[in-house]
N, C-alpha and C. Protein backbone atom coordinates (compact mmCIF):
# COMPACT_ATOMS: atom_id res chain seq x y z
N MET A 1 0.84 -1.18 0.00
CA MET A 1 0.00 0.00 0.00
C MET A 1 0.89 1.24 0.00
N VAL A 2 0.54 2.21 -0.83
CA VAL A 2 1.31 3.45 -0.92
C VAL A 2 0.86 4.41 0.18
N GLU A 3 1.74 5.33 0.53
CA GLU A 3 1.36 6.39 1.47
C GLU A 3 0.69 7.50 0.67
N VAL A 4 -0.40 8.03 1.23
CA VAL A 4 -1.20 9.03 0.54
C VAL A 4 -1.17 10.34 1.32
N LYS A 5 -1.08 11.44 0.58
CA LYS A 5 -1.14 12.76 1.22
C LYS A 5 -1.68 13.77 0.22
N GLN A 6 -1.91 14.96 0.70
CA GLN A 6 -2.30 16.09 -0.13
C GLN A 6 -1.28 17.20 0.09
N VAL A 7 -0.92 17.89 -0.97
CA VAL A 7 -0.06 19.06 -0.83
C VAL A 7 -0.87 20.30 -1.16
N ILE A 8 -0.67 21.33 -0.36
CA ILE A 8 -1.30 22.63 -0.57
C ILE A 8 -0.17 23.63 -0.75
N ILE A 9 -0.23 24.39 -1.83
CA ILE A 9 0.88 25.28 -2.18
C ILE A 9 0.36 26.71 -2.23
N ILE A 10 1.05 27.60 -1.54
CA ILE A 10 0.66 29.00 -1.42
C ILE A 10 1.74 29.89 -2.04
N ARG A 11 1.32 30.92 -2.74
CA ARG A 11 2.28 31.91 -3.25
C ARG A 11 2.78 32.78 -2.12
N LYS A 12 4.10 32.96 -2.06
CA LYS A 12 4.66 33.81 -1.00
C LYS A 12 4.98 35.22 -1.47
N ASP A 13 4.77 35.50 -2.76
CA ASP A 13 5.11 36.82 -3.30
C ASP A 13 3.95 37.80 -3.27
N ILE A 14 2.79 37.38 -2.79
CA ILE A 14 1.65 38.29 -2.68
C ILE A 14 1.31 38.47 -1.21
N SER A 15 0.78 39.62 -0.89
CA SER A 15 0.47 39.94 0.50
C SER A 15 -0.97 39.53 0.81
N MET A 16 -1.09 38.50 1.66
CA MET A 16 -2.40 38.05 2.12
C MET A 16 -2.34 37.97 3.64
N SER A 17 -3.43 38.34 4.30
CA SER A 17 -3.50 38.17 5.74
C SER A 17 -3.46 36.67 6.05
N THR A 18 -3.22 36.33 7.30
CA THR A 18 -3.21 34.93 7.70
C THR A 18 -4.55 34.27 7.39
N GLY A 19 -5.63 34.96 7.72
CA GLY A 19 -6.96 34.41 7.44
C GLY A 19 -7.19 34.17 5.96
N LYS A 20 -6.79 35.11 5.13
CA LYS A 20 -6.94 34.98 3.68
C LYS A 20 -6.11 33.81 3.16
N THR A 21 -4.89 33.69 3.67
CA THR A 21 -4.01 32.59 3.25
C THR A 21 -4.63 31.25 3.59
N VAL A 22 -5.14 31.13 4.81
CA VAL A 22 -5.77 29.87 5.24
C VAL A 22 -7.00 29.57 4.39
N ALA A 23 -7.82 30.58 4.13
CA ALA A 23 -9.03 30.38 3.32
C ALA A 23 -8.68 29.92 1.90
N GLN A 24 -7.67 30.53 1.30
CA GLN A 24 -7.28 30.15 -0.05
C GLN A 24 -6.74 28.72 -0.09
N GLY A 25 -5.94 28.36 0.91
CA GLY A 25 -5.45 26.99 0.99
C GLY A 25 -6.59 26.00 1.20
N ALA A 26 -7.57 26.38 2.00
CA ALA A 26 -8.73 25.51 2.24
C ALA A 26 -9.54 25.33 0.96
N HIS A 27 -9.73 26.41 0.21
CA HIS A 27 -10.43 26.30 -1.08
C HIS A 27 -9.72 25.29 -1.97
N ALA A 28 -8.41 25.42 -2.09
CA ALA A 28 -7.64 24.52 -2.95
C ALA A 28 -7.74 23.09 -2.46
N SER A 29 -7.64 22.88 -1.16
CA SER A 29 -7.72 21.54 -0.58
C SER A 29 -9.04 20.86 -0.92
N VAL A 30 -10.14 21.55 -0.67
CA VAL A 30 -11.46 20.96 -0.92
C VAL A 30 -11.66 20.71 -2.41
N MET A 31 -11.27 21.65 -3.23
CA MET A 31 -11.45 21.50 -4.68
C MET A 31 -10.64 20.30 -5.21
N SER A 32 -9.43 20.14 -4.73
CA SER A 32 -8.59 19.02 -5.17
C SER A 32 -9.16 17.69 -4.66
N TYR A 33 -9.63 17.68 -3.42
CA TYR A 33 -10.28 16.49 -2.86
C TYR A 33 -11.45 16.07 -3.75
N LEU A 34 -12.28 17.03 -4.16
CA LEU A 34 -13.43 16.71 -5.00
C LEU A 34 -13.00 16.17 -6.36
N GLU A 35 -11.91 16.68 -6.91
CA GLU A 35 -11.37 16.15 -8.16
C GLU A 35 -10.93 14.69 -7.97
N ALA A 36 -10.25 14.41 -6.89
CA ALA A 36 -9.78 13.04 -6.62
C ALA A 36 -10.95 12.09 -6.38
N LEU A 37 -11.97 12.58 -5.71
CA LEU A 37 -13.14 11.77 -5.39
C LEU A 37 -13.85 11.26 -6.63
N LYS A 38 -13.83 12.02 -7.71
CA LYS A 38 -14.52 11.65 -8.95
C LYS A 38 -14.05 10.31 -9.50
N ALA A 39 -12.77 10.04 -9.44
CA ALA A 39 -12.24 8.85 -10.12
C ALA A 39 -11.37 7.95 -9.25
N HIS A 40 -11.10 8.36 -8.03
CA HIS A 40 -10.14 7.60 -7.22
C HIS A 40 -10.67 7.38 -5.80
N SER A 41 -11.84 6.79 -5.69
CA SER A 41 -12.46 6.61 -4.37
C SER A 41 -11.61 5.73 -3.45
N ASP A 42 -10.85 4.81 -4.02
CA ASP A 42 -9.98 3.96 -3.19
C ASP A 42 -8.90 4.79 -2.50
N ILE A 43 -8.31 5.72 -3.21
CA ILE A 43 -7.29 6.59 -2.62
C ILE A 43 -7.92 7.50 -1.57
N ILE A 44 -9.11 8.02 -1.87
CA ILE A 44 -9.81 8.88 -0.92
C ILE A 44 -10.12 8.12 0.37
N GLU A 45 -10.62 6.90 0.25
CA GLU A 45 -10.94 6.11 1.44
C GLU A 45 -9.70 5.89 2.30
N GLN A 46 -8.59 5.56 1.66
CA GLN A 46 -7.34 5.36 2.40
C GLN A 46 -6.93 6.65 3.10
N TRP A 47 -6.94 7.75 2.39
CA TRP A 47 -6.54 9.05 2.94
C TRP A 47 -7.41 9.42 4.13
N LEU A 48 -8.72 9.25 4.00
CA LEU A 48 -9.63 9.57 5.09
C LEU A 48 -9.38 8.69 6.31
N SER A 49 -9.11 7.41 6.08
CA SER A 49 -8.91 6.48 7.20
C SER A 49 -7.56 6.68 7.89
N GLU A 50 -6.62 7.33 7.21
CA GLU A 50 -5.28 7.52 7.77
C GLU A 50 -5.05 8.91 8.36
N GLY A 51 -6.09 9.72 8.46
CA GLY A 51 -5.94 11.01 9.10
C GLY A 51 -5.80 12.21 8.19
N GLN A 52 -5.95 12.01 6.88
CA GLN A 52 -5.97 13.11 5.90
C GLN A 52 -4.70 13.96 5.93
N LYS A 53 -3.56 13.34 5.77
CA LYS A 53 -2.27 14.04 5.81
C LYS A 53 -2.22 15.15 4.75
N LYS A 54 -1.83 16.33 5.22
CA LYS A 54 -1.66 17.50 4.34
C LYS A 54 -0.33 18.16 4.64
N ILE A 55 0.31 18.64 3.60
CA ILE A 55 1.56 19.38 3.73
C ILE A 55 1.36 20.72 3.04
N VAL A 56 1.74 21.81 3.70
CA VAL A 56 1.58 23.14 3.12
C VAL A 56 2.96 23.67 2.74
N LEU A 57 3.09 24.01 1.46
CA LEU A 57 4.35 24.45 0.88
C LEU A 57 4.19 25.84 0.28
N LYS A 58 5.30 26.42 -0.14
CA LYS A 58 5.24 27.75 -0.75
C LYS A 58 6.04 27.80 -2.05
N VAL A 59 5.59 28.68 -2.94
CA VAL A 59 6.31 28.96 -4.18
C VAL A 59 6.57 30.45 -4.27
N ASP A 60 7.53 30.82 -5.10
CA ASP A 60 7.97 32.20 -5.21
C ASP A 60 7.02 33.11 -5.99
N ASP A 61 6.32 32.56 -6.99
CA ASP A 61 5.50 33.42 -7.84
C ASP A 61 4.48 32.62 -8.63
N ASP A 62 3.68 33.34 -9.42
CA ASP A 62 2.62 32.68 -10.19
C ASP A 62 3.17 31.78 -11.28
N LYS A 63 4.34 32.10 -11.82
CA LYS A 63 4.93 31.25 -12.85
C LYS A 63 5.28 29.87 -12.30
N ALA A 64 5.87 29.84 -11.10
CA ALA A 64 6.21 28.56 -10.47
C ALA A 64 4.94 27.77 -10.17
N MET A 65 3.90 28.46 -9.72
CA MET A 65 2.65 27.78 -9.41
C MET A 65 2.01 27.20 -10.68
N LYS A 66 2.02 27.97 -11.74
CA LYS A 66 1.44 27.52 -13.01
C LYS A 66 2.20 26.31 -13.55
N ARG A 67 3.54 26.32 -13.44
CA ARG A 67 4.34 25.18 -13.90
C ARG A 67 3.97 23.92 -13.12
N LEU A 68 3.82 24.05 -11.80
CA LEU A 68 3.43 22.90 -10.99
C LEU A 68 2.05 22.39 -11.38
N TYR A 69 1.12 23.31 -11.55
CA TYR A 69 -0.24 22.92 -11.94
C TYR A 69 -0.21 22.13 -13.25
N GLU A 70 0.52 22.62 -14.22
CA GLU A 70 0.61 21.93 -15.50
C GLU A 70 1.29 20.57 -15.36
N ALA A 71 2.29 20.47 -14.49
CA ALA A 71 2.95 19.18 -14.25
C ALA A 71 1.99 18.18 -13.60
N PHE A 72 1.20 18.64 -12.63
CA PHE A 72 0.21 17.75 -12.01
C PHE A 72 -0.78 17.26 -13.06
N LYS A 73 -1.26 18.18 -13.89
CA LYS A 73 -2.22 17.81 -14.93
C LYS A 73 -1.61 16.80 -15.90
N PHE A 74 -0.36 17.03 -16.30
CA PHE A 74 0.33 16.13 -17.22
C PHE A 74 0.44 14.73 -16.63
N LYS A 75 0.71 14.65 -15.33
CA LYS A 75 0.86 13.35 -14.64
C LYS A 75 -0.49 12.76 -14.23
N LYS A 76 -1.58 13.48 -14.55
CA LYS A 76 -2.94 13.04 -14.21
C LYS A 76 -3.15 12.91 -12.71
N ILE A 77 -2.54 13.82 -11.97
CA ILE A 77 -2.72 13.90 -10.52
C ILE A 77 -3.87 14.87 -10.25
N PRO A 78 -4.88 14.45 -9.50
CA PRO A 78 -5.98 15.37 -9.21
C PRO A 78 -5.45 16.63 -8.53
N CYS A 79 -5.90 17.79 -9.02
CA CYS A 79 -5.40 19.04 -8.47
C CYS A 79 -6.40 20.16 -8.72
N ALA A 80 -6.17 21.28 -8.05
CA ALA A 80 -7.04 22.44 -8.22
C ALA A 80 -6.24 23.71 -7.99
N LEU A 81 -6.47 24.68 -8.84
CA LEU A 81 -5.81 25.97 -8.79
C LEU A 81 -6.84 27.03 -8.41
N VAL A 82 -6.52 27.85 -7.42
CA VAL A 82 -7.45 28.88 -6.95
C VAL A 82 -7.03 30.23 -7.49
N ASN A 83 -7.98 30.89 -8.13
CA ASN A 83 -7.83 32.28 -8.58
C ASN A 83 -8.83 33.10 -7.78
N ASP A 84 -8.35 34.08 -7.05
CA ASP A 84 -9.19 34.86 -6.15
C ASP A 84 -10.26 35.65 -6.89
N ALA A 85 -11.42 35.76 -6.26
CA ALA A 85 -12.54 36.50 -6.85
C ALA A 85 -12.33 38.01 -6.80
N GLY A 86 -11.40 38.47 -5.96
CA GLY A 86 -11.10 39.89 -5.90
C GLY A 86 -12.08 40.70 -5.07
N LEU A 87 -12.75 40.06 -4.13
CA LEU A 87 -13.75 40.77 -3.32
C LEU A 87 -13.15 41.44 -2.08
N THR A 88 -11.94 41.06 -1.70
CA THR A 88 -11.36 41.64 -0.48
C THR A 88 -9.98 42.22 -0.72
N GLN A 89 -8.94 41.43 -0.59
CA GLN A 89 -7.57 41.94 -0.53
C GLN A 89 -6.81 41.95 -1.86
N LEU A 90 -7.26 41.17 -2.82
CA LEU A 90 -6.47 40.97 -4.04
C LEU A 90 -7.26 41.33 -5.29
N PRO A 91 -6.55 41.68 -6.36
CA PRO A 91 -7.25 41.93 -7.63
C PRO A 91 -7.91 40.64 -8.13
N PRO A 92 -9.04 40.75 -8.83
CA PRO A 92 -9.71 39.57 -9.37
C PRO A 92 -8.77 38.75 -10.24
N GLY A 93 -8.85 37.44 -10.09
CA GLY A 93 -8.05 36.53 -10.91
C GLY A 93 -6.66 36.25 -10.38
N THR A 94 -6.29 36.83 -9.24
CA THR A 94 -4.97 36.57 -8.68
C THR A 94 -4.85 35.10 -8.29
N MET A 95 -3.84 34.42 -8.82
CA MET A 95 -3.58 33.03 -8.50
C MET A 95 -3.00 32.97 -7.08
N THR A 96 -3.68 32.28 -6.17
CA THR A 96 -3.27 32.31 -4.77
C THR A 96 -2.80 30.97 -4.22
N ALA A 97 -3.47 29.89 -4.60
CA ALA A 97 -3.20 28.59 -3.99
C ALA A 97 -3.41 27.47 -5.00
N LEU A 98 -2.74 26.37 -4.73
CA LEU A 98 -2.83 25.17 -5.55
C LEU A 98 -2.79 23.99 -4.61
N ALA A 99 -3.61 22.99 -4.88
CA ALA A 99 -3.54 21.75 -4.11
C ALA A 99 -3.49 20.58 -5.08
N ALA A 100 -2.82 19.52 -4.66
CA ALA A 100 -2.76 18.29 -5.44
C ALA A 100 -3.00 17.12 -4.50
N GLY A 101 -3.79 16.19 -4.98
CA GLY A 101 -4.12 15.02 -4.18
C GLY A 101 -5.39 15.23 -3.40
N PRO A 102 -5.67 14.25 -2.60
CA PRO A 102 -4.89 13.14 -2.10
C PRO A 102 -4.36 12.25 -3.24
N TRP A 103 -3.09 11.88 -3.06
CA TRP A 103 -2.42 11.09 -4.09
C TRP A 103 -1.21 10.39 -3.48
N ASP A 104 -0.59 9.54 -4.27
CA ASP A 104 0.61 8.82 -3.86
C ASP A 104 1.70 9.81 -3.44
N ARG A 105 2.19 9.65 -2.21
CA ARG A 105 3.20 10.55 -1.67
C ARG A 105 4.42 10.66 -2.56
N ASP A 106 4.91 9.52 -3.06
CA ASP A 106 6.13 9.53 -3.87
C ASP A 106 5.96 10.33 -5.16
N GLU A 107 4.80 10.19 -5.80
CA GLU A 107 4.56 10.95 -7.03
C GLU A 107 4.47 12.45 -6.74
N LEU A 108 3.81 12.81 -5.64
CA LEU A 108 3.75 14.23 -5.26
C LEU A 108 5.13 14.76 -4.93
N ASP A 109 5.91 13.98 -4.19
CA ASP A 109 7.25 14.41 -3.79
C ASP A 109 8.18 14.62 -4.98
N MET A 110 7.98 13.85 -6.05
CA MET A 110 8.82 14.05 -7.25
C MET A 110 8.63 15.45 -7.81
N LEU A 111 7.44 15.99 -7.69
CA LEU A 111 7.15 17.32 -8.24
C LEU A 111 7.32 18.45 -7.23
N THR A 112 7.19 18.14 -5.94
CA THR A 112 7.19 19.20 -4.93
C THR A 112 8.32 19.08 -3.91
N GLY A 113 9.16 18.08 -4.05
CA GLY A 113 10.21 17.81 -3.06
C GLY A 113 11.18 18.96 -2.86
N GLY A 114 11.33 19.84 -3.84
CA GLY A 114 12.25 20.96 -3.71
C GLY A 114 11.64 22.20 -3.07
N LEU A 115 10.35 22.16 -2.78
CA LEU A 115 9.67 23.32 -2.18
C LEU A 115 9.86 23.33 -0.67
N LYS A 116 9.79 24.53 -0.11
CA LYS A 116 9.92 24.69 1.34
C LYS A 116 8.55 24.77 1.99
N LEU A 117 8.50 24.39 3.27
CA LEU A 117 7.27 24.50 4.04
C LEU A 117 6.89 25.96 4.20
N LEU A 118 5.60 26.23 4.21
CA LEU A 118 5.13 27.59 4.40
C LEU A 118 5.36 28.02 5.84
C-alpha cells in the first residue's frame, strides 16, 4: 500500500493576511479532494482512514505555481488551482493557492520535493 497525502501550495510573493491565506489553501484543498473523489475513491478512502495528511508548501511566484499545476495535470494527478474572486484583498483573478491530491506521496514528492514549508 502506498502512502497518501495532499499538498497545498501558497504563493509567497503576494500579500495576504493569515486568514486569507488559510481560506485560499482551504479552497484549494477541498477542490482538489473533489477532483480526486470523482475517479479515485480507493485513494480517498485510504486518505480519510489515515488522518488526511496534508503538507503546506510555498512557491515564489505565479509562474512557479502555473508550472506545478501543468505538471500535475500532465501526470494526471488530481489538483485544483485557486484564482481569487477579488472581493477583499487581491485583484480579481490573482492566483493564490494550488492543491494536489490526495495522491501517492512519492509521485507528489517528485514534483514538490524541492519546495519549502510555508
